[in-house]
């Protein structure tokens, strides 16, 4: 079995400042900074964090907290 990040995401969006990848089956959301080039000209991946969506679903108030954040920025 492959690691979820080795699979094609179910949804992906590049905002120019963030790259979002959604893996529905694994219940993961990755948020990554864009690639960048170091002083030697090498392309580097931006820092990435993965949100465990199952953990959010199982934690009282977590989904509502995210809904408020998204409502504030909409």
N, C-alpha and C. Protein backbone atom coordinates (compact mmCIF):
# COMPACT_ATOMS: atom_id res chain seq x y z
N UNK A 1 0.84 -1.20 0.00
CA UNK A 1 0.00 0.00 0.00
C UNK A 1 0.87 1.25 0.00
N UNK A 2 0.52 2.20 -0.83
CA UNK A 2 1.26 3.45 -0.92
C UNK A 2 0.95 4.36 0.25
N UNK A 3 1.90 5.22 0.57
CA UNK A 3 1.64 6.31 1.50
C UNK A 3 0.69 7.29 0.82
N UNK A 4 -0.17 7.92 1.58
CA UNK A 4 -1.18 8.78 0.97
C UNK A 4 -0.55 9.88 0.12
N UNK A 5 0.59 10.42 0.51
CA UNK A 5 1.22 11.52 -0.21
C UNK A 5 1.83 11.07 -1.53
N UNK A 6 1.94 9.75 -1.73
CA UNK A 6 2.43 9.23 -2.99
C UNK A 6 1.29 9.05 -4.01
N UNK A 7 0.06 9.25 -3.56
CA UNK A 7 -1.13 9.13 -4.41
C UNK A 7 -1.51 10.50 -4.95
N UNK A 8 -2.29 10.50 -6.00
CA UNK A 8 -2.80 11.75 -6.55
C UNK A 8 -3.84 12.32 -5.59
N UNK A 9 -3.70 13.59 -5.22
CA UNK A 9 -4.70 14.17 -4.32
C UNK A 9 -6.06 14.26 -5.00
N UNK A 10 -7.12 14.24 -4.19
CA UNK A 10 -8.49 14.37 -4.70
C UNK A 10 -8.79 15.80 -5.11
N UNK A 11 -8.03 16.72 -4.60
CA UNK A 11 -8.16 18.13 -4.97
C UNK A 11 -6.86 18.84 -4.67
N UNK A 12 -6.50 19.78 -5.52
CA UNK A 12 -5.26 20.55 -5.32
C UNK A 12 -5.48 21.96 -5.82
N UNK A 13 -4.95 22.93 -5.06
CA UNK A 13 -5.07 24.33 -5.45
C UNK A 13 -3.78 25.05 -5.08
N UNK A 14 -3.28 25.84 -6.01
CA UNK A 14 -2.12 26.66 -5.77
C UNK A 14 -2.58 28.11 -5.78
N UNK A 15 -2.47 28.77 -4.62
CA UNK A 15 -2.91 30.16 -4.51
C UNK A 15 -1.79 31.14 -4.87
N UNK A 16 -0.60 30.60 -5.13
CA UNK A 16 0.57 31.46 -5.35
C UNK A 16 1.37 31.63 -4.07
N UNK A 17 0.69 31.59 -2.93
CA UNK A 17 1.36 31.70 -1.63
C UNK A 17 1.23 30.43 -0.81
N UNK A 18 0.28 29.59 -1.18
CA UNK A 18 0.08 28.30 -0.52
C UNK A 18 -0.32 27.27 -1.57
N UNK A 19 0.00 26.01 -1.30
CA UNK A 19 -0.47 24.90 -2.12
C UNK A 19 -1.29 24.02 -1.19
N UNK A 20 -2.55 23.80 -1.54
CA UNK A 20 -3.44 22.97 -0.75
C UNK A 20 -3.67 21.66 -1.48
N UNK A 21 -3.55 20.54 -0.75
CA UNK A 21 -3.81 19.22 -1.32
C UNK A 21 -4.74 18.46 -0.38
N UNK A 22 -5.81 17.92 -0.94
CA UNK A 22 -6.81 17.19 -0.16
C UNK A 22 -6.78 15.72 -0.54
N UNK A 23 -6.59 14.87 0.46
CA UNK A 23 -6.58 13.41 0.28
C UNK A 23 -7.79 12.85 1.03
N UNK A 24 -8.88 12.66 0.30
CA UNK A 24 -10.15 12.29 0.92
C UNK A 24 -10.08 10.96 1.66
N UNK A 25 -9.57 9.91 1.00
CA UNK A 25 -9.54 8.58 1.62
C UNK A 25 -8.68 8.56 2.88
N UNK A 26 -7.60 9.28 2.87
CA UNK A 26 -6.71 9.33 4.03
C UNK A 26 -7.16 10.36 5.06
N UNK A 27 -8.14 11.19 4.71
CA UNK A 27 -8.64 12.27 5.58
C UNK A 27 -7.50 13.20 6.00
N UNK A 28 -6.76 13.68 5.00
CA UNK A 28 -5.63 14.58 5.25
C UNK A 28 -5.75 15.81 4.37
N UNK A 29 -5.36 16.94 4.91
CA UNK A 29 -5.24 18.19 4.16
C UNK A 29 -3.83 18.69 4.35
N UNK A 30 -3.11 18.83 3.24
CA UNK A 30 -1.75 19.39 3.30
C UNK A 30 -1.81 20.86 2.91
N UNK A 31 -1.04 21.65 3.64
CA UNK A 31 -0.88 23.06 3.32
C UNK A 31 0.62 23.31 3.22
N UNK A 32 1.06 23.73 2.04
CA UNK A 32 2.49 23.87 1.78
C UNK A 32 2.80 25.25 1.25
N UNK A 33 3.93 25.77 1.67
CA UNK A 33 4.44 27.01 1.11
C UNK A 33 4.97 26.68 -0.29
N UNK A 34 5.05 27.66 -1.18
CA UNK A 34 5.53 27.38 -2.54
C UNK A 34 7.01 27.00 -2.56
N UNK A 35 7.41 26.38 -3.67
CA UNK A 35 8.82 26.05 -3.86
C UNK A 35 9.62 27.34 -3.93
N UNK A 36 10.90 27.24 -3.58
CA UNK A 36 11.77 28.40 -3.60
C UNK A 36 13.15 27.98 -4.07
N UNK A 37 13.96 28.93 -4.42
CA UNK A 37 15.32 28.66 -4.93
C UNK A 37 16.33 29.20 -3.94
N UNK A 38 17.29 28.34 -3.55
CA UNK A 38 18.31 28.76 -2.59
C UNK A 38 19.42 29.55 -3.30
N UNK A 39 20.39 30.01 -2.53
CA UNK A 39 21.47 30.84 -3.07
C UNK A 39 22.31 30.13 -4.13
N UNK A 40 22.31 28.80 -4.10
CA UNK A 40 23.07 28.02 -5.08
C UNK A 40 22.23 27.67 -6.31
N UNK A 41 21.00 28.16 -6.37
CA UNK A 41 20.14 27.90 -7.52
C UNK A 41 19.37 26.59 -7.46
N UNK A 42 19.40 25.93 -6.30
CA UNK A 42 18.67 24.67 -6.15
C UNK A 42 17.23 24.94 -5.75
N UNK A 43 16.29 24.26 -6.43
CA UNK A 43 14.88 24.41 -6.09
C UNK A 43 14.56 23.56 -4.86
N UNK A 44 13.89 24.16 -3.90
CA UNK A 44 13.55 23.50 -2.64
C UNK A 44 12.03 23.51 -2.46
N UNK A 45 11.51 22.46 -1.84
CA UNK A 45 10.09 22.44 -1.49
C UNK A 45 9.86 23.36 -0.30
N UNK A 46 8.72 24.04 -0.32
CA UNK A 46 8.35 24.88 0.81
C UNK A 46 7.94 24.01 1.99
N UNK A 47 7.96 24.59 3.17
CA UNK A 47 7.54 23.87 4.37
C UNK A 47 6.08 23.44 4.22
N UNK A 48 5.77 22.30 4.81
CA UNK A 48 4.45 21.72 4.66
C UNK A 48 3.93 21.23 6.01
N UNK A 49 2.65 21.40 6.21
CA UNK A 49 1.99 20.85 7.39
C UNK A 49 0.81 20.01 6.90
N UNK A 50 0.54 18.91 7.59
CA UNK A 50 -0.59 18.05 7.25
C UNK A 50 -1.58 18.06 8.39
N UNK A 51 -2.83 18.34 8.06
CA UNK A 51 -3.91 18.38 9.04
C UNK A 51 -4.65 17.04 8.97
N UNK A 52 -4.78 16.40 10.12
CA UNK A 52 -5.52 15.14 10.23
C UNK A 52 -7.00 15.48 10.39
N UNK A 53 -7.76 15.29 9.33
CA UNK A 53 -9.16 15.69 9.35
C UNK A 53 -10.01 14.79 10.25
N UNK A 54 -9.63 13.52 10.40
CA UNK A 54 -10.35 12.64 11.34
C UNK A 54 -10.22 13.17 12.77
N UNK A 55 -9.04 13.63 13.13
CA UNK A 55 -8.82 14.17 14.48
C UNK A 55 -9.67 15.42 14.70
N UNK A 56 -9.79 16.25 13.67
CA UNK A 56 -10.64 17.44 13.79
C UNK A 56 -12.10 17.04 13.99
N UNK A 57 -12.54 16.06 13.20
CA UNK A 57 -13.93 15.60 13.29
C UNK A 57 -14.25 15.05 14.67
N UNK A 58 -13.26 14.42 15.30
CA UNK A 58 -13.46 13.75 16.58
C UNK A 58 -13.26 14.68 17.79
N UNK A 59 -12.84 15.90 17.56
CA UNK A 59 -12.55 16.83 18.65
C UNK A 59 -13.67 17.86 18.77
N UNK A 60 -14.27 17.91 19.92
CA UNK A 60 -15.40 18.82 20.14
C UNK A 60 -15.00 20.26 19.83
N UNK A 61 -15.78 20.90 18.98
CA UNK A 61 -15.57 22.30 18.67
C UNK A 61 -14.57 22.58 17.56
N UNK A 62 -13.80 21.60 17.11
CA UNK A 62 -12.75 21.85 16.12
C UNK A 62 -13.33 22.24 14.76
N UNK A 63 -14.35 21.54 14.31
CA UNK A 63 -14.95 21.86 13.01
C UNK A 63 -15.59 23.24 13.06
N UNK A 64 -16.28 23.54 14.13
CA UNK A 64 -16.90 24.85 14.28
C UNK A 64 -15.84 25.96 14.32
N UNK A 65 -14.71 25.68 14.95
CA UNK A 65 -13.61 26.64 15.00
C UNK A 65 -13.11 26.94 13.58
N UNK A 66 -12.90 25.90 12.78
CA UNK A 66 -12.47 26.12 11.39
C UNK A 66 -13.54 26.82 10.57
N UNK A 67 -14.80 26.47 10.79
CA UNK A 67 -15.88 27.15 10.07
C UNK A 67 -15.89 28.64 10.37
N UNK A 68 -15.62 29.02 11.61
CA UNK A 68 -15.56 30.44 11.97
C UNK A 68 -14.41 31.12 11.26
N UNK A 69 -13.26 30.46 11.25
CA UNK A 69 -12.10 31.05 10.55
C UNK A 69 -12.43 31.28 9.07
N UNK A 70 -12.99 30.25 8.41
CA UNK A 70 -13.31 30.37 6.99
C UNK A 70 -14.38 31.42 6.76
N UNK A 71 -15.32 31.54 7.68
CA UNK A 71 -16.35 32.57 7.57
C UNK A 71 -15.72 33.96 7.68
N UNK A 72 -14.74 34.11 8.55
CA UNK A 72 -14.08 35.39 8.74
C UNK A 72 -13.31 35.83 7.50
N UNK A 73 -12.76 34.89 6.74
CA UNK A 73 -11.96 35.26 5.57
C UNK A 73 -12.75 35.28 4.27
N UNK A 74 -14.00 34.79 4.32
CA UNK A 74 -14.82 34.72 3.09
C UNK A 74 -15.34 36.09 2.71
